[in-house]
Protein backbone atom coordinates (compact mmCIF):
# COMPACT_ATOMS: atom_id res chain seq x y z
CA MET A 1 114.18 28.50 -110.97
CA LYS A 2 111.67 29.37 -113.72
CA ALA A 3 108.09 29.51 -113.57
CA GLU A 4 106.95 26.88 -115.54
CA ASN A 5 109.21 24.54 -113.45
CA ILE A 6 107.38 22.43 -110.99
CA ASN A 7 107.11 24.02 -107.33
CA ALA A 8 109.28 21.96 -105.30
CA SER A 9 107.11 23.07 -101.90
CA ARG A 10 103.64 21.84 -103.14
CA PHE A 11 102.59 18.74 -101.66
CA VAL A 12 102.64 16.21 -103.99
CA LEU A 13 99.02 15.04 -103.24
CA ASP A 14 97.49 18.45 -103.70
CA PRO A 15 94.18 17.92 -105.50
CA THR A 16 94.51 20.87 -107.57
CA SER A 17 97.93 19.69 -109.32
CA THR A 18 96.13 17.40 -111.78
CA ALA A 19 93.81 20.69 -113.06
CA ASP A 20 96.79 22.59 -113.26
CA LEU A 21 99.00 20.56 -115.48
CA ARG A 22 96.15 20.04 -117.76
CA LEU A 23 95.50 23.65 -118.15
CA LYS A 24 99.11 24.37 -118.66
CA LEU A 25 99.53 21.62 -121.14
CA LYS A 26 96.82 23.23 -123.55
CA GLN A 27 97.43 26.88 -123.21
CA ASP A 28 101.26 26.48 -123.07
CA PRO A 29 102.16 23.30 -124.83
CA GLN A 30 106.28 24.12 -124.46
CA GLY A 31 105.94 25.01 -121.20
CA GLY A 32 103.36 22.13 -120.10
CA LEU A 33 105.70 19.99 -121.58
CA LYS A 34 108.68 20.90 -119.37
CA GLN A 35 106.36 20.44 -116.27
CA ALA A 36 105.07 16.92 -117.84
CA ALA A 37 108.65 16.01 -118.23
CA GLN A 38 109.82 17.03 -114.70
CA GLN A 39 106.91 15.27 -112.93
CA PHE A 40 107.99 12.11 -115.11
CA GLU A 41 111.20 11.94 -114.09
CA GLY A 42 109.93 12.48 -110.72
CA MET A 43 108.15 9.42 -111.43
CA LEU A 44 111.37 7.93 -112.10
CA LEU A 45 112.82 8.80 -109.23
CA GLN A 46 109.93 7.58 -107.09
CA MET A 47 110.25 4.25 -108.93
CA MET A 48 114.05 3.85 -107.93
CA LEU A 49 113.01 4.73 -104.24
CA LYS A 50 110.40 2.14 -104.15
CA SER A 51 112.69 -0.33 -105.22
CA MET A 52 115.32 0.42 -102.86
CA ARG A 53 112.34 -0.02 -100.15
CA ASP A 54 111.49 -3.12 -101.25
CA ALA A 55 114.91 -4.46 -101.07
CA THR A 56 115.26 -3.63 -97.51
CA PRO A 57 113.83 -6.05 -94.68
CA GLN A 58 110.84 -4.73 -93.34
CA ASP A 59 110.03 -6.79 -90.07
CA GLY A 60 110.96 -4.32 -87.51
CA VAL A 61 109.04 -3.07 -84.88
CA MET A 62 108.15 0.07 -86.27
CA ASP A 63 107.11 -1.22 -89.43
CA SER A 64 103.61 -1.85 -90.54
CA ASP A 65 101.14 -0.94 -93.32
CA GLN A 66 100.45 2.56 -91.89
CA THR A 67 104.02 3.74 -92.11
CA ARG A 68 104.72 2.09 -95.27
CA PHE A 69 101.87 4.09 -96.90
CA PHE A 70 103.35 7.15 -95.38
CA THR A 71 106.74 6.75 -96.15
CA SER A 72 105.52 5.96 -99.67
CA ILE A 73 104.08 9.75 -99.70
CA MET A 74 107.38 10.86 -98.00
CA ASP A 75 109.22 9.29 -101.18
CA GLN A 76 106.78 10.70 -103.76
CA GLN A 77 107.63 13.96 -102.13
CA LEU A 78 111.44 13.64 -102.21
CA ALA A 79 111.18 12.54 -105.96
CA GLN A 80 109.42 15.81 -106.39
CA ASN A 81 111.37 18.08 -104.62
CA LEU A 82 114.46 16.17 -106.67
CA SER A 83 113.32 16.57 -110.17
CA ALA A 84 112.02 20.32 -109.54
CA LYS A 85 115.96 20.63 -108.76
CA GLY A 86 116.59 19.95 -112.56
CA GLN A 87 119.88 18.33 -111.88
CA LEU A 88 119.68 14.69 -113.16
CA GLY A 89 118.69 15.66 -116.59
CA PHE A 90 116.17 13.22 -117.29
CA ALA A 91 113.62 15.57 -117.67
CA ARG A 92 115.55 17.43 -120.15
CA LEU A 93 116.16 14.78 -122.26
CA ILE A 94 112.73 13.80 -122.15
CA GLU A 95 111.56 17.37 -122.95
CA GLN A 96 113.88 17.41 -126.00
CA GLN A 97 112.64 14.43 -127.36
CA LEU A 98 109.34 14.73 -127.20
CA GLY A 99 109.65 18.78 -128.01
CA ARG A 100 110.52 17.81 -131.54
CA ASN A 101 106.86 17.53 -132.69
CA LEU A 102 106.45 21.12 -130.81
CA LEU A 103 109.18 23.01 -132.47
CA SER A 104 108.58 21.15 -136.23
CA GLY A 105 104.95 22.26 -136.04
CA ALA A 106 103.77 18.79 -136.36
CA PRO A 107 100.40 17.78 -135.48
CA VAL A 108 100.03 16.53 -131.78
CA GLY A 109 97.22 14.05 -131.96
CA PRO A 110 95.31 11.53 -129.49
CA ALA A 111 98.20 8.93 -130.00
CA SER A 112 101.22 10.81 -130.10
CA PRO A 113 104.04 10.56 -127.36
CA LEU A 114 103.15 13.84 -125.90
CA ASP A 115 99.73 13.45 -125.15
CA ALA A 116 100.55 9.90 -123.82
CA LEU A 117 102.79 11.67 -121.31
CA GLN A 118 100.15 14.00 -120.52
CA GLN A 119 97.41 11.38 -120.00
CA SER A 120 99.74 8.90 -118.26
CA LEU A 121 101.23 11.93 -115.58
CA ILE A 122 97.33 13.04 -114.91
CA GLU A 123 96.07 9.23 -114.28
CA ARG A 124 99.34 8.81 -112.10
CA GLN A 125 98.15 12.10 -110.17
CA THR A 126 94.46 11.43 -110.02
CA ALA A 127 95.19 7.48 -108.71
CA THR A 128 97.54 8.46 -106.29
CA LEU A 129 94.88 11.05 -104.86
CA ALA A 130 92.54 8.28 -104.38
CA ALA A 131 94.79 5.74 -102.90
CA PRO A 132 93.08 4.59 -100.97
CA ALA A 133 90.00 6.72 -100.79
CA GLY A 134 86.56 6.35 -99.78
CA GLY A 135 82.68 6.67 -99.37
CA ALA A 136 79.99 4.46 -98.64
CA ALA A 137 82.56 1.90 -99.73
CA ARG A 138 85.55 2.52 -99.96
CA VAL A 139 87.25 3.69 -103.03
CA ARG A 140 90.86 2.39 -103.59
CA THR A 141 92.18 3.36 -106.83
CA THR A 142 95.60 1.99 -106.34
CA PRO A 143 98.47 3.31 -108.70
CA ALA A 144 99.91 -0.24 -110.59
CA LEU A 145 103.22 -1.70 -110.80
CA GLY A 146 105.25 0.33 -113.12
CA GLY A 147 104.21 4.08 -112.12
CA GLU A 148 100.65 3.65 -113.89
CA SER A 149 96.96 3.73 -112.49
CA ALA A 150 95.14 0.60 -112.68
CA ALA A 151 92.74 2.73 -115.14
CA THR A 152 96.07 3.02 -117.99
CA ALA A 153 98.31 0.25 -116.99
CA LYS A 154 99.60 -2.04 -119.91
CA PRO A 155 97.80 -5.29 -120.64
CA THR A 156 100.07 -7.72 -118.89
CA GLY A 157 99.48 -11.74 -118.02
CA ASN A 158 98.70 -10.32 -114.40
CA SER A 159 95.93 -8.76 -115.58
CA SER A 160 94.60 -11.74 -117.54
CA ASP A 161 95.09 -14.04 -114.69
CA PHE A 162 93.02 -11.54 -112.47
CA VAL A 163 90.39 -11.95 -114.68
CA ASN A 164 90.04 -15.64 -114.90
CA ARG A 165 90.46 -15.71 -110.98
CA ILE A 166 87.32 -13.53 -110.96
CA TRP A 167 85.31 -14.11 -113.76
CA PRO A 168 82.70 -16.87 -112.68
CA HIS A 169 82.16 -15.14 -109.56
CA ALA A 170 81.40 -11.68 -111.53
CA VAL A 171 79.19 -13.38 -114.12
CA GLU A 172 76.90 -14.86 -110.98
CA ALA A 173 77.26 -11.49 -109.03
CA ALA A 174 76.33 -9.46 -112.77
CA GLY A 175 73.14 -11.55 -113.29
CA ALA A 176 71.77 -10.79 -110.20
CA ILE A 177 72.01 -6.88 -110.56
CA GLY A 178 71.50 -7.21 -114.10
CA VAL A 179 74.57 -5.75 -115.54
CA PRO A 180 77.54 -7.09 -118.16
CA PRO A 181 79.87 -8.94 -115.98
CA GLN A 182 82.80 -7.03 -117.50
CA PHE A 183 81.37 -3.97 -115.60
CA LEU A 184 82.29 -5.90 -112.17
CA VAL A 185 85.59 -7.06 -113.54
CA ALA A 186 86.52 -3.42 -113.95
CA HIS A 187 85.11 -2.21 -110.62
CA SER A 188 86.96 -4.68 -109.12
CA ALA A 189 90.02 -3.77 -110.99
CA LEU A 190 89.85 -0.13 -110.41
CA GLU A 191 89.54 -0.95 -106.43
CA SER A 192 92.30 -3.61 -106.25
CA GLY A 193 95.00 -2.56 -108.83
CA TRP A 194 94.01 -5.62 -110.83
CA GLY A 195 94.29 -7.73 -107.61
CA LYS A 196 97.64 -6.38 -107.16
CA SER A 197 96.67 -4.10 -104.07
CA GLU A 198 94.21 -6.10 -102.23
CA ILE A 199 93.37 -4.74 -98.62
CA ARG A 200 95.26 -7.31 -96.08
CA ALA A 201 95.62 -7.62 -92.51
CA ALA A 202 98.29 -6.55 -90.60
CA ASP A 203 99.89 -10.29 -90.87
CA GLY A 204 99.39 -9.91 -94.74
CA SER A 205 96.48 -12.35 -94.96
CA PRO A 206 94.03 -11.58 -97.80
CA SER A 207 90.50 -9.76 -96.74
CA TYR A 208 89.34 -11.11 -100.21
CA ASN A 209 87.54 -7.61 -100.20
CA LEU A 210 87.92 -6.28 -104.02
CA PHE A 211 85.27 -3.72 -103.46
CA GLY A 212 86.57 -1.69 -100.80
CA VAL A 213 83.29 -2.29 -98.94
CA LYS A 214 83.44 -0.83 -95.34
CA ALA A 215 82.11 -2.89 -92.31
CA GLY A 216 79.52 -0.87 -90.55
CA ARG A 217 77.86 -1.33 -87.60
CA ASN A 218 75.49 -4.32 -88.99
CA TRP A 219 78.61 -5.94 -90.44
CA GLN A 220 78.65 -9.30 -88.11
CA GLY A 221 81.64 -10.75 -89.96
CA PRO A 222 85.61 -10.56 -89.51
CA SER A 223 87.08 -6.88 -90.64
CA VAL A 224 90.07 -5.00 -91.03
CA GLU A 225 91.13 -1.77 -90.00
CA VAL A 226 93.28 0.23 -92.63
CA GLN A 227 94.59 3.96 -93.35
CA THR A 228 91.91 5.74 -95.87
CA THR A 229 91.45 8.64 -97.61
CA GLU A 230 88.01 10.58 -97.61
CA TYR A 231 87.17 13.40 -100.04
CA VAL A 232 85.19 16.29 -98.07
CA ASN A 233 84.38 19.07 -100.09
CA GLY A 234 86.75 18.11 -102.43
CA VAL A 235 89.61 17.79 -100.25
CA ALA A 236 91.37 14.40 -99.23
CA GLN A 237 91.73 13.78 -95.64
CA MET A 238 93.18 10.90 -94.05
CA SER A 239 91.23 8.42 -91.71
CA SER A 240 91.52 4.86 -90.29
CA GLU A 241 88.52 2.93 -91.44
CA ARG A 242 87.18 -0.78 -90.91
CA PHE A 243 86.80 -2.90 -93.85
CA ARG A 244 84.88 -6.37 -94.48
CA VAL A 245 87.00 -9.30 -94.63
CA TYR A 246 85.73 -12.67 -97.00
CA ALA A 247 86.53 -15.95 -96.88
CA SER A 248 86.75 -16.11 -100.70
CA TYR A 249 86.72 -13.86 -104.01
CA ALA A 250 83.09 -15.45 -104.59
CA GLU A 251 82.08 -14.10 -101.14
CA SER A 252 83.16 -10.56 -102.00
CA PHE A 253 81.23 -10.59 -105.24
CA ARG A 254 77.92 -11.87 -103.46
CA ASP A 255 78.37 -9.67 -100.57
CA TYR A 256 78.63 -6.76 -103.63
CA ALA A 257 75.87 -7.64 -105.52
CA ASN A 258 73.61 -7.85 -102.13
CA LEU A 259 74.89 -4.22 -100.99
CA LEU A 260 73.62 -2.82 -104.56
CA ARG A 261 70.53 -4.93 -104.85
CA ASN A 262 69.21 -4.37 -101.21
CA ASN A 263 69.88 -0.47 -100.84
CA SER A 264 67.81 1.94 -102.49
CA ARG A 265 70.34 4.39 -103.17
CA PHE A 266 71.97 2.06 -105.98
CA SER A 267 68.71 1.51 -107.76
CA GLY A 268 69.96 3.71 -110.71
CA VAL A 269 73.24 1.16 -110.60
CA LEU A 270 70.67 -2.07 -111.44
CA GLY A 271 70.20 -3.07 -115.35
CA GLN A 272 72.92 -0.56 -116.50
CA GLN A 273 74.00 -1.62 -119.72
CA ASP A 274 76.26 1.20 -120.76
CA GLY A 275 79.63 1.23 -119.02
CA THR A 276 79.92 4.83 -118.54
CA GLN A 277 76.55 5.37 -117.18
CA PHE A 278 77.37 2.31 -114.76
CA ALA A 279 80.23 4.44 -113.43
CA ARG A 280 78.25 7.60 -113.28
CA SER A 281 75.44 5.81 -111.38
CA LEU A 282 78.29 4.47 -109.02
CA GLN A 283 79.31 7.84 -108.39
CA GLN A 284 76.14 9.63 -107.74
CA SER A 285 74.79 6.83 -105.52
CA GLY A 286 77.46 7.84 -103.22
CA TYR A 287 79.57 4.65 -103.59
CA ALA A 288 82.71 6.73 -103.72
CA THR A 289 83.62 10.04 -102.91
CA ASP A 290 86.34 10.95 -105.17
CA PRO A 291 85.50 13.25 -107.93
CA MET A 292 87.52 11.58 -110.68
CA TYR A 293 85.85 8.21 -109.85
CA ALA A 294 83.51 7.18 -112.37
CA ASP A 295 85.96 8.54 -114.64
CA LYS A 296 88.51 6.08 -114.07
CA LEU A 297 86.00 3.55 -113.60
CA SER A 298 84.93 4.36 -117.60
CA ARG A 299 88.23 4.06 -118.34
CA ILE A 300 88.83 0.53 -117.20
CA ILE A 301 85.69 -0.50 -118.76
CA SER A 302 86.47 1.04 -122.29
CA GLY A 303 90.23 0.58 -122.01
CA ALA A 304 92.37 -2.16 -123.74
CA THR A 305 93.43 -3.60 -120.87
CA LEU A 306 90.16 -5.11 -120.21
CA ARG A 307 89.85 -6.09 -123.63
CA GLN A 308 92.72 -7.99 -123.87
CA ALA A 309 92.73 -9.65 -120.72
CA LEU A 310 88.98 -10.93 -121.47
CA SER A 311 90.29 -12.40 -124.77
CA GLY A 312 93.49 -13.51 -123.30
């Protein structure tokens, strides 16, 4: 296998893979394109495996949210290993199609297919590393359906439905902490994958927890225990944590506003009118341990998905 091919033995959640891909695409566009095409093939294979899993009954004694989570990681690893062998041919076709611009000397601008593929893969990897992730409050940036992260998912009717469902609660909570309501919509979209990956109990009942707030010692209400990922010195580690369960989305937004308003460490978040600074202040306050958290939230706040969902 050539050196620029994906290392099949590399763990699919290796936190350095994102930086390696970005660097390769900058230093050697042709070699980086080969890696990106192989990873894109892996994404397609993982989606196929997921579809097959979804079509299989999952109500057995050994089936749970935890087993399904680790099965999804195993499927991603299997898809990466298969794509690294180069036997299916999808990666080769993608490479040939997108490589024409490079061979012809045509400029590869921000709107080019190569740039879009690079960004999609990088977002996919960083989102996967943080799904779910946590800090003082749980950070749960889950890839949206179709293989894209919540930050880069294309606008859908589901996004508009999600915004319509939570908008009045976002307006109320935003008024309490002095920020634009769209910032809170973006934050809840990042944490819940636009409502598609909301934290649920083992029986499938909703938690209405759109901001990944943990159930600490002072929490008197119901809670649910789920597997999550904590970043310690930049390294992802699995752990089991308990998270708050609310009676409604309205209660979730009110509790989120109270968390930020009543804890002095979040004082830098209050009153923010700039989306990028709002995201940075949240991360600096310790809301999340994911090193890419502020970047992901900023992209949702300024992204087309949120704009179109708000206008729809």
